[in-house]
């Protein structure tokens, strides 16, 4: 099946990971300040296109930099406010951002691949149907999160690897290429 075979409309919800999908991932580090946040080329415009299709766009992001004491909840709020401003300037919309500040070793129900952030989103937005949802992420924990909830899963990787298709339904080199595959030219 191809992505164009799906009838995405405003009854669908798009769940997005943040680092490596929306912004450049800092290998071995965390985005701790607004200056450290850099959109991946074309992402604000891609989100503008996605906002015209999906009824809800939700970001779900593990942020253990908070749990490690490298940043605060306030630091993250400022980063996210700036990110949303950039997305809105391009014509896009993010309905809500959920984050898990816990350390990986804490095994929090919120931290992906656990499903707590999505379940909280469904409480806040009862119209969410996980079987009419897409999870876009760049990590296998994102794909497992989507699988546990019965979502369609899109793996983002600049270096496509066929082994990643075991947990994902589709694979693209960027969020922009995913958008290009579902929005007619």
N, C-alpha and C. Protein backbone atom coordinates (compact mmCIF):
# COMPACT_ATOMS: atom_id res chain seq x y z
N UNK A 1 0.84 -1.18 0.00
CA UNK A 1 0.00 0.00 0.00
C UNK A 1 0.89 1.25 0.00
N UNK A 2 0.44 2.29 -0.66
CA UNK A 2 1.16 3.56 -0.71
C UNK A 2 0.46 4.59 0.16
N UNK A 3 1.18 5.61 0.57
CA UNK A 3 0.57 6.66 1.38
C UNK A 3 -0.58 7.33 0.66
N UNK A 4 -0.49 7.47 -0.65
CA UNK A 4 -1.56 8.12 -1.41
C UNK A 4 -2.84 7.29 -1.38
N UNK A 5 -2.75 6.01 -0.97
CA UNK A 5 -3.92 5.15 -0.86
C UNK A 5 -4.75 5.48 0.40
N UNK A 6 -4.17 6.22 1.33
CA UNK A 6 -4.88 6.61 2.53
C UNK A 6 -5.63 7.90 2.27
N UNK A 7 -6.80 8.01 2.84
CA UNK A 7 -7.61 9.22 2.68
C UNK A 7 -7.43 10.10 3.92
N UNK A 8 -6.27 10.74 3.99
CA UNK A 8 -6.03 11.62 5.12
C UNK A 8 -6.94 12.84 5.02
N UNK A 9 -7.56 13.18 6.13
CA UNK A 9 -8.40 14.36 6.19
C UNK A 9 -8.42 14.85 7.63
N UNK A 10 -9.33 15.78 7.93
CA UNK A 10 -9.30 16.37 9.26
C UNK A 10 -9.82 15.44 10.36
N UNK A 11 -10.19 14.21 10.00
CA UNK A 11 -10.53 13.23 11.04
C UNK A 11 -9.29 12.47 11.52
N UNK A 12 -8.15 12.72 10.88
CA UNK A 12 -6.89 12.07 11.24
C UNK A 12 -6.08 12.98 12.16
N UNK A 13 -5.28 12.35 13.02
CA UNK A 13 -4.36 13.07 13.90
C UNK A 13 -2.93 12.71 13.51
N UNK A 14 -2.08 13.72 13.49
CA UNK A 14 -0.67 13.53 13.21
C UNK A 14 0.11 13.72 14.50
N UNK A 15 0.83 12.68 14.91
CA UNK A 15 1.74 12.76 16.05
C UNK A 15 3.16 12.87 15.50
N UNK A 16 3.92 13.82 16.04
CA UNK A 16 5.29 14.05 15.58
C UNK A 16 6.26 13.99 16.74
N UNK A 17 7.38 13.33 16.53
CA UNK A 17 8.52 13.47 17.41
C UNK A 17 9.12 14.84 17.09
N UNK A 18 9.97 15.37 17.97
CA UNK A 18 10.55 16.69 17.70
C UNK A 18 11.97 16.59 17.15
N UNK A 19 12.93 16.17 17.98
CA UNK A 19 14.34 16.17 17.58
C UNK A 19 14.57 15.17 16.45
N UNK A 20 15.14 15.66 15.35
CA UNK A 20 15.42 14.81 14.20
C UNK A 20 14.29 14.77 13.19
N UNK A 21 13.12 15.31 13.57
CA UNK A 21 11.98 15.38 12.65
C UNK A 21 11.66 16.84 12.34
N UNK A 22 11.54 17.64 13.39
CA UNK A 22 11.22 19.06 13.25
C UNK A 22 12.49 19.91 13.28
N UNK A 23 13.35 19.59 14.22
CA UNK A 23 14.60 20.35 14.38
C UNK A 23 15.80 19.43 14.25
N UNK A 24 16.94 20.05 13.99
CA UNK A 24 18.18 19.29 13.88
C UNK A 24 18.51 18.66 15.23
N UNK A 25 18.79 17.37 15.19
CA UNK A 25 19.18 16.64 16.41
C UNK A 25 20.62 17.01 16.76
N UNK A 26 20.86 17.26 18.02
CA UNK A 26 22.22 17.51 18.50
C UNK A 26 22.77 16.19 19.02
N UNK A 27 23.63 15.58 18.26
CA UNK A 27 24.17 14.26 18.64
C UNK A 27 24.97 14.40 19.94
N UNK A 28 24.59 13.59 20.93
CA UNK A 28 25.29 13.60 22.21
C UNK A 28 24.96 14.79 23.09
N UNK A 29 23.95 15.56 22.72
CA UNK A 29 23.58 16.74 23.51
C UNK A 29 22.08 16.96 23.40
N UNK A 30 21.60 18.01 24.03
CA UNK A 30 20.19 18.35 24.04
C UNK A 30 20.02 19.80 23.61
N UNK A 31 18.89 20.09 22.99
CA UNK A 31 18.54 21.48 22.70
C UNK A 31 18.12 22.07 24.05
N UNK A 32 18.96 22.97 24.57
CA UNK A 32 18.73 23.50 25.92
C UNK A 32 18.33 24.97 25.92
N UNK A 33 18.50 25.64 24.79
CA UNK A 33 18.18 27.07 24.67
C UNK A 33 17.55 27.32 23.31
N UNK A 34 16.85 28.42 23.17
CA UNK A 34 16.29 28.75 21.85
C UNK A 34 17.36 28.85 20.77
N UNK A 35 18.56 29.32 21.13
CA UNK A 35 19.64 29.41 20.14
C UNK A 35 20.09 28.05 19.64
N UNK A 36 19.89 27.01 20.45
CA UNK A 36 20.27 25.65 20.06
C UNK A 36 19.26 24.96 19.16
N UNK A 37 18.08 25.58 19.02
CA UNK A 37 17.02 24.99 18.21
C UNK A 37 17.14 25.48 16.78
N UNK A 38 17.27 24.55 15.84
CA UNK A 38 17.35 24.88 14.41
C UNK A 38 16.37 24.00 13.65
N UNK A 39 15.41 24.65 12.98
CA UNK A 39 14.49 23.88 12.15
C UNK A 39 15.28 23.14 11.07
N UNK A 40 14.88 21.93 10.76
CA UNK A 40 15.37 21.24 9.57
C UNK A 40 14.78 22.00 8.38
N UNK A 41 15.57 22.17 7.34
CA UNK A 41 15.14 22.94 6.17
C UNK A 41 13.77 22.48 5.67
N UNK A 42 12.89 23.45 5.48
CA UNK A 42 11.58 23.18 4.90
C UNK A 42 10.51 22.72 5.87
N UNK A 43 10.86 22.46 7.13
CA UNK A 43 9.89 21.91 8.07
C UNK A 43 8.74 22.88 8.39
N UNK A 44 8.98 24.16 8.65
CA UNK A 44 7.82 25.03 8.92
C UNK A 44 6.82 25.03 7.77
N UNK A 45 7.31 25.06 6.55
CA UNK A 45 6.43 25.03 5.38
C UNK A 45 5.73 23.68 5.25
N UNK A 46 6.45 22.61 5.55
CA UNK A 46 5.85 21.27 5.52
C UNK A 46 4.71 21.18 6.54
N UNK A 47 4.93 21.75 7.71
CA UNK A 47 3.88 21.73 8.74
C UNK A 47 2.68 22.58 8.33
N UNK A 48 2.92 23.64 7.57
CA UNK A 48 1.81 24.43 7.03
C UNK A 48 0.95 23.55 6.12
N UNK A 49 1.59 22.77 5.27
CA UNK A 49 0.85 21.86 4.39
C UNK A 49 0.11 20.79 5.17
N UNK A 50 0.76 20.22 6.17
CA UNK A 50 0.13 19.18 6.98
C UNK A 50 -1.05 19.72 7.77
N UNK A 51 -0.97 20.98 8.18
CA UNK A 51 -2.05 21.60 8.95
C UNK A 51 -3.32 21.74 8.13
N UNK A 52 -3.20 21.73 6.82
CA UNK A 52 -4.37 21.82 5.94
C UNK A 52 -5.04 20.46 5.76
N UNK A 53 -4.35 19.40 6.16
CA UNK A 53 -4.87 18.05 5.96
C UNK A 53 -5.37 17.45 7.27
N UNK A 54 -4.51 17.41 8.28
CA UNK A 54 -4.82 16.71 9.53
C UNK A 54 -5.64 17.60 10.46
N UNK A 55 -6.58 16.98 11.16
CA UNK A 55 -7.41 17.72 12.11
C UNK A 55 -6.64 18.19 13.32
N UNK A 56 -5.72 17.37 13.78
CA UNK A 56 -4.88 17.70 14.93
C UNK A 56 -3.44 17.36 14.62
N UNK A 57 -2.54 18.21 15.09
CA UNK A 57 -1.11 17.91 15.03
C UNK A 57 -0.57 18.03 16.44
N UNK A 58 -0.03 16.93 16.93
CA UNK A 58 0.44 16.81 18.31
C UNK A 58 1.93 16.45 18.28
N UNK A 59 2.72 17.13 19.09
CA UNK A 59 4.13 16.76 19.26
C UNK A 59 4.26 15.97 20.55
N UNK A 60 4.96 14.83 20.46
CA UNK A 60 5.26 14.00 21.62
C UNK A 60 6.78 13.82 21.66
N UNK A 61 7.40 14.30 22.72
CA UNK A 61 8.86 14.34 22.74
C UNK A 61 9.43 13.95 24.10
N UNK A 62 10.37 13.03 24.08
CA UNK A 62 11.13 12.71 25.29
C UNK A 62 12.15 13.82 25.51
N UNK A 63 12.22 14.35 26.73
CA UNK A 63 13.13 15.45 27.04
C UNK A 63 13.85 15.17 28.35
N UNK A 64 14.68 14.13 28.34
CA UNK A 64 15.35 13.76 29.57
C UNK A 64 16.44 14.73 29.99
N UNK A 65 16.75 15.72 29.15
CA UNK A 65 17.66 16.78 29.57
C UNK A 65 17.15 17.49 30.82
N UNK A 66 15.82 17.54 30.97
CA UNK A 66 15.23 18.12 32.18
C UNK A 66 15.53 17.21 33.37
N UNK A 67 15.31 15.92 33.20
CA UNK A 67 15.57 14.96 34.28
C UNK A 67 17.03 14.92 34.68
N UNK A 68 17.92 15.23 33.74
CA UNK A 68 19.35 15.26 34.04
C UNK A 68 19.79 16.58 34.64
N UNK A 69 18.86 17.55 34.73
CA UNK A 69 19.20 18.86 35.29
C UNK A 69 19.96 19.76 34.34
N UNK A 70 19.95 19.46 33.05
CA UNK A 70 20.66 20.26 32.06
C UNK A 70 19.83 21.45 31.57
N UNK A 71 18.53 21.39 31.85
CA UNK A 71 17.61 22.46 31.47
C UNK A 71 16.41 22.37 32.38
N UNK A 72 15.59 23.41 32.36
CA UNK A 72 14.40 23.43 33.20
C UNK A 72 13.14 23.33 32.35
N UNK A 73 12.02 23.12 33.01
CA UNK A 73 10.73 23.14 32.32
C UNK A 73 10.52 24.50 31.64
N UNK A 74 10.95 25.58 32.29
CA UNK A 74 10.82 26.92 31.72
C UNK A 74 11.67 27.06 30.47
N UNK A 75 12.91 26.52 30.49
CA UNK A 75 13.75 26.54 29.29
C UNK A 75 13.03 25.86 28.13
N UNK A 76 12.43 24.70 28.40
CA UNK A 76 11.73 23.96 27.35
C UNK A 76 10.51 24.73 26.85
N UNK A 77 9.78 25.38 27.76
CA UNK A 77 8.63 26.18 27.35
C UNK A 77 9.04 27.29 26.39
N UNK A 78 10.14 27.96 26.69
CA UNK A 78 10.62 29.04 25.82
C UNK A 78 11.02 28.49 24.45
N UNK A 79 11.73 27.37 24.44
CA UNK A 79 12.12 26.73 23.17
C UNK A 79 10.87 26.39 22.36
N UNK A 80 9.87 25.80 23.00
CA UNK A 80 8.66 25.41 22.30
C UNK A 80 7.84 26.61 21.84
N UNK A 81 7.79 27.67 22.65
CA UNK A 81 7.08 28.88 22.22
C UNK A 81 7.73 29.45 20.96
N UNK A 82 9.05 29.49 20.92
CA UNK A 82 9.76 29.99 19.73
C UNK A 82 9.52 29.08 18.53
N UNK A 83 9.52 27.77 18.76
CA UNK A 83 9.26 26.82 17.68
C UNK A 83 7.86 27.04 17.11
N UNK A 84 6.87 27.16 17.98
CA UNK A 84 5.50 27.36 17.53
C UNK A 84 5.38 28.67 16.76
N UNK A 85 6.05 29.72 17.23
CA UNK A 85 6.03 30.99 16.50
C UNK A 85 6.54 30.80 15.07
N UNK A 86 7.63 30.07 14.90
CA UNK A 86 8.18 29.82 13.56
C UNK A 86 7.24 29.01 12.69
N UNK A 87 6.56 28.04 13.28
CA UNK A 87 5.61 27.22 12.54
C UNK A 87 4.39 28.05 12.13
N UNK A 88 3.89 28.86 13.07
CA UNK A 88 2.72 29.69 12.76
C UNK A 88 3.04 30.76 11.73
N UNK A 89 4.26 31.32 11.76
CA UNK A 89 4.66 32.30 10.75
C UNK A 89 4.62 31.71 9.35
N UNK A 90 4.87 30.40 9.24
CA UNK A 90 4.83 29.73 7.94
C UNK A 90 3.42 29.27 7.58
N UNK A 91 2.45 29.46 8.49
CA UNK A 91 1.07 29.07 8.21
C UNK A 91 0.67 27.74 8.81
N UNK A 92 1.51 27.16 9.67
CA UNK A 92 1.21 25.88 10.29
C UNK A 92 0.60 26.01 11.66
N UNK A 93 0.17 24.89 12.20
CA UNK A 93 -0.46 24.87 13.52
C UNK A 93 -0.05 23.60 14.27
N UNK A 94 0.33 23.79 15.52
CA UNK A 94 0.55 22.66 16.43
C UNK A 94 -0.53 22.79 17.50
N UNK A 95 -1.34 21.74 17.66
CA UNK A 95 -2.43 21.82 18.62
C UNK A 95 -1.96 21.70 20.07
N UNK A 96 -0.95 20.86 20.30
CA UNK A 96 -0.43 20.73 21.66
C UNK A 96 0.89 19.97 21.61
N UNK A 97 1.72 20.26 22.61
CA UNK A 97 3.00 19.57 22.77
C UNK A 97 2.97 18.85 24.11
N UNK A 98 3.33 17.58 24.08
CA UNK A 98 3.48 16.78 25.30
C UNK A 98 4.95 16.38 25.39
N UNK A 99 5.47 16.41 26.60
CA UNK A 99 6.87 16.00 26.77
C UNK A 99 7.01 15.13 28.02
N UNK A 100 8.01 14.29 27.96
CA UNK A 100 8.35 13.42 29.09
C UNK A 100 9.72 13.86 29.59
N UNK A 101 9.80 14.48 30.77
CA UNK A 101 11.08 14.97 31.28
C UNK A 101 11.89 13.90 32.01
N UNK A 102 11.36 12.71 32.06
CA UNK A 102 11.95 11.65 32.87
C UNK A 102 13.19 11.04 32.24
N UNK A 103 14.03 10.50 33.10
CA UNK A 103 15.20 9.76 32.63
C UNK A 103 14.75 8.43 32.04
N UNK A 104 15.51 7.95 31.09
CA UNK A 104 15.18 6.67 30.47
C UNK A 104 15.05 5.56 31.51
N UNK A 105 15.94 5.56 32.47
CA UNK A 105 15.94 4.49 33.49
C UNK A 105 14.71 4.53 34.40
N UNK A 106 13.99 5.65 34.42
CA UNK A 106 12.81 5.78 35.29
C UNK A 106 11.62 4.97 34.78
N UNK A 107 11.64 4.58 33.52
CA UNK A 107 10.55 3.81 32.89
C UNK A 107 9.20 4.47 33.16
N UNK A 108 9.12 5.77 32.95
CA UNK A 108 7.88 6.51 33.12
C UNK A 108 6.87 6.09 32.06
N UNK A 109 5.60 6.07 32.44
CA UNK A 109 4.54 5.74 31.47
C UNK A 109 4.44 6.82 30.38
N UNK A 110 4.99 8.00 30.64
CA UNK A 110 4.95 9.07 29.65
C UNK A 110 6.04 8.94 28.60
N UNK A 111 7.15 8.36 28.98
CA UNK A 111 8.32 8.34 28.09
C UNK A 111 8.15 7.29 27.00
N UNK A 112 8.29 7.74 25.72
CA UNK A 112 8.20 6.79 24.61
C UNK A 112 9.31 5.74 24.74
N UNK A 113 9.03 4.50 24.45
CA UNK A 113 7.90 3.99 23.67
C UNK A 113 6.61 3.79 24.47
N UNK A 114 6.60 4.05 25.77
CA UNK A 114 5.35 3.96 26.53
C UNK A 114 4.36 4.98 25.98
N UNK A 115 3.09 4.75 26.20
CA UNK A 115 2.06 5.48 25.47
C UNK A 115 1.38 6.61 26.26
N UNK A 116 1.92 6.96 27.40
CA UNK A 116 1.26 7.94 28.27
C UNK A 116 0.99 9.29 27.63
N UNK A 117 1.92 9.79 26.81
CA UNK A 117 1.69 11.10 26.18
C UNK A 117 0.50 11.03 25.22
N UNK A 118 0.37 9.95 24.47
CA UNK A 118 -0.75 9.81 23.54
C UNK A 118 -2.06 9.64 24.29
N UNK A 119 -2.02 8.89 25.38
CA UNK A 119 -3.25 8.70 26.16
C UNK A 119 -3.69 10.02 26.78
N UNK A 120 -2.74 10.85 27.22
CA UNK A 120 -3.08 12.17 27.73
C UNK A 120 -3.68 13.04 26.61
N UNK A 121 -3.09 12.95 25.42
CA UNK A 121 -3.62 13.70 24.28
C UNK A 121 -5.06 13.29 23.99
N UNK A 122 -5.35 12.00 24.09
CA UNK A 122 -6.70 11.52 23.82
C UNK A 122 -7.69 12.01 24.89
N UNK A 123 -7.22 12.18 26.12
CA UNK A 123 -8.08 12.77 27.15
C UNK A 123 -8.37 14.24 26.81
N UNK A 124 -7.32 14.95 26.40
CA UNK A 124 -7.47 16.37 26.06
C UNK A 124 -8.25 16.58 24.76
N UNK A 125 -8.13 15.64 23.83
CA UNK A 125 -8.81 15.72 22.53
C UNK A 125 -9.53 14.39 22.29
N UNK A 126 -10.72 14.23 22.84
CA UNK A 126 -11.42 12.92 22.76
C UNK A 126 -11.68 12.43 21.34
N UNK A 127 -11.60 13.32 20.37
CA UNK A 127 -11.83 12.91 18.97
C UNK A 127 -10.67 12.10 18.39
N UNK A 128 -9.56 12.01 19.10
CA UNK A 128 -8.42 11.23 18.58
C UNK A 128 -8.78 9.76 18.53
N UNK A 129 -8.60 9.20 17.35
CA UNK A 129 -8.75 7.76 17.11
C UNK A 129 -7.37 7.27 16.69
N UNK A 130 -6.75 6.44 17.50
CA UNK A 130 -5.38 6.01 17.20
C UNK A 130 -5.29 5.23 15.89
N UNK A 131 -6.39 4.63 15.46
CA UNK A 131 -6.37 3.91 14.19
C UNK A 131 -6.53 4.86 13.00
N UNK A 132 -6.74 6.12 13.28
CA UNK A 132 -6.77 7.17 12.26
C UNK A 132 -5.72 8.22 12.67
N UNK A 133 -4.57 7.71 13.07
CA UNK A 133 -3.45 8.56 13.50
C UNK A 133 -2.18 8.07 12.83
N UNK A 134 -1.27 9.02 12.64
CA UNK A 134 0.04 8.73 12.06
C UNK A 134 1.09 9.20 13.06
N UNK A 135 2.07 8.34 13.32
CA UNK A 135 3.22 8.71 14.16
C UNK A 135 4.42 8.87 13.24
N UNK A 136 5.03 10.06 13.25
CA UNK A 136 6.22 10.33 12.47
C UNK A 136 7.37 10.55 13.43
N UNK A 137 8.40 9.73 13.32
CA UNK A 137 9.55 9.86 14.21
C UNK A 137 10.82 9.34 13.58
N UNK A 138 11.92 9.62 14.25
CA UNK A 138 13.22 9.20 13.72
C UNK A 138 13.90 8.16 14.59
N UNK A 139 13.15 7.60 15.54
CA UNK A 139 13.73 6.58 16.41
C UNK A 139 12.84 5.36 16.48
N UNK A 140 13.45 4.23 16.78
CA UNK A 140 12.67 3.00 16.89
C UNK A 140 11.69 3.09 18.05
N UNK A 141 12.01 3.88 19.10
CA UNK A 141 11.05 4.07 20.20
C UNK A 141 9.80 4.80 19.71
N UNK A 142 9.94 5.68 18.72
CA UNK A 142 8.77 6.34 18.13
C UNK A 142 7.91 5.33 17.39
N UNK A 143 8.56 4.43 16.66
CA UNK A 143 7.82 3.43 15.89
C UNK A 143 7.12 2.44 16.83
N UNK A 144 7.76 2.07 17.92
CA UNK A 144 7.15 1.17 18.89
C UNK A 144 5.95 1.85 19.55
N UNK A 145 6.09 3.13 19.89
CA UNK A 145 5.00 3.93 20.45
C UNK A 145 3.79 3.87 19.51
N UNK A 146 4.01 4.13 18.23
CA UNK A 146 2.93 4.07 17.26
C UNK A 146 2.34 2.68 17.12
N UNK A 147 3.20 1.66 17.12
CA UNK A 147 2.72 0.28 16.99
C UNK A 147 1.83 -0.10 18.16
N UNK A 148 2.24 0.26 19.38
CA UNK A 148 1.46 -0.08 20.57
C UNK A 148 0.05 0.52 20.53
N UNK A 149 -0.09 1.62 19.82
CA UNK A 149 -1.38 2.32 19.74
C UNK A 149 -2.15 2.03 18.46
N UNK A 150 -1.58 1.24 17.56
CA UNK A 150 -2.24 0.90 16.31
C UNK A 150 -2.20 2.01 15.27
N UNK A 151 -1.20 2.89 15.38
CA UNK A 151 -1.06 4.00 14.44
C UNK A 151 -0.32 3.57 13.18
N UNK A 152 -0.52 4.31 12.11
CA UNK A 152 0.33 4.22 10.93
C UNK A 152 1.67 4.84 11.32
N UNK A 153 2.78 4.21 10.94
CA UNK A 153 4.10 4.67 11.41
C UNK A 153 4.99 5.07 10.24
N UNK A 154 5.56 6.29 10.35
CA UNK A 154 6.45 6.83 9.32
C UNK A 154 7.79 7.10 9.97
N UNK A 155 8.81 6.43 9.46
CA UNK A 155 10.16 6.57 9.99
C UNK A 155 10.93 7.59 9.16
N UNK A 156 11.52 8.57 9.82
CA UNK A 156 12.31 9.60 9.16
C UNK A 156 13.78 9.31 9.39
N UNK A 157 14.53 9.17 8.30
CA UNK A 157 15.97 8.93 8.41
C UNK A 157 16.66 9.42 7.15
N UNK A 158 17.67 10.29 7.30
CA UNK A 158 18.40 10.74 6.11
C UNK A 158 19.16 9.60 5.43
N UNK A 159 19.38 8.51 6.15
CA UNK A 159 20.05 7.33 5.60
C UNK A 159 19.10 6.15 5.66
N UNK A 160 18.24 5.98 4.66
CA UNK A 160 17.26 4.90 4.69
C UNK A 160 17.90 3.54 4.93
N UNK A 161 17.29 2.79 5.81
CA UNK A 161 17.79 1.47 6.17
C UNK A 161 16.60 0.50 6.11
N UNK A 162 16.65 -0.50 5.23
CA UNK A 162 15.52 -1.42 5.11
C UNK A 162 15.14 -2.11 6.42
N UNK A 163 16.08 -2.28 7.34
CA UNK A 163 15.75 -2.95 8.60
C UNK A 163 14.80 -2.10 9.45
N UNK A 164 14.77 -0.78 9.23
CA UNK A 164 13.85 0.08 9.97
C UNK A 164 12.40 -0.15 9.57
N UNK A 165 12.18 -0.74 8.41
CA UNK A 165 10.83 -0.99 7.95
C UNK A 165 10.15 -2.10 8.74
N UNK A 166 10.91 -2.82 9.57
CA UNK A 166 10.30 -3.86 10.39
C UNK A 166 9.31 -3.25 11.39
N UNK A 167 9.61 -2.09 11.93
CA UNK A 167 8.71 -1.44 12.88
C UNK A 167 7.92 -0.29 12.27
N UNK A 168 8.25 0.11 11.06
CA UNK A 168 7.55 1.24 10.44
C UNK A 168 6.77 0.76 9.22
N UNK A 169 5.80 1.57 8.82
CA UNK A 169 5.03 1.27 7.62
C UNK A 169 5.64 1.92 6.39
N UNK A 170 6.24 3.11 6.61
CA UNK A 170 6.85 3.87 5.53
C UNK A 170 8.12 4.52 6.04
N UNK A 171 9.03 4.83 5.13
CA UNK A 171 10.30 5.47 5.49
C UNK A 171 10.58 6.60 4.50
N UNK A 172 10.96 7.76 5.03
CA UNK A 172 11.30 8.92 4.22
C UNK A 172 12.57 9.55 4.76
N UNK A 173 13.25 10.31 3.92
CA UNK A 173 14.50 10.94 4.35
C UNK A 173 14.25 12.19 5.20
N UNK A 174 13.04 12.76 5.11
CA UNK A 174 12.73 13.97 5.88
C UNK A 174 11.22 14.13 6.00
N UNK A 175 10.81 15.01 6.90
CA UNK A 175 9.39 15.34 7.01
C UNK A 175 8.90 15.95 5.70
N UNK A 176 9.74 16.74 5.07
CA UNK A 176 9.39 17.37 3.80
C UNK A 176 9.10 16.32 2.72
N UNK A 177 9.92 15.28 2.66
CA UNK A 177 9.66 14.24 1.64
C UNK A 177 8.39 13.46 1.96
N UNK A 178 8.08 13.29 3.24
CA UNK A 178 6.80 12.67 3.64
C UNK A 178 5.64 13.53 3.13
N UNK A 179 5.72 14.84 3.36
CA UNK A 179 4.66 15.76 2.92
C UNK A 179 4.53 15.70 1.40
N UNK A 180 5.64 15.72 0.70
CA UNK A 180 5.60 15.66 -0.77
C UNK A 180 4.90 14.40 -1.26
N UNK A 181 4.94 13.32 -0.48
CA UNK A 181 4.32 12.07 -0.91
C UNK A 181 2.81 12.05 -0.71
N UNK A 182 2.29 12.95 0.13
CA UNK A 182 0.83 12.92 0.39
C UNK A 182 0.09 14.16 -0.12
N UNK A 183 0.83 15.23 -0.44
CA UNK A 183 0.18 16.42 -0.95
C UNK A 183 0.40 16.49 -2.45
N UNK A 184 -0.70 16.50 -3.23
CA UNK A 184 -0.53 16.57 -4.69
C UNK A 184 0.15 17.86 -5.10
N UNK A 185 0.98 17.76 -6.14
CA UNK A 185 1.68 18.94 -6.65
C UNK A 185 0.73 19.89 -7.35
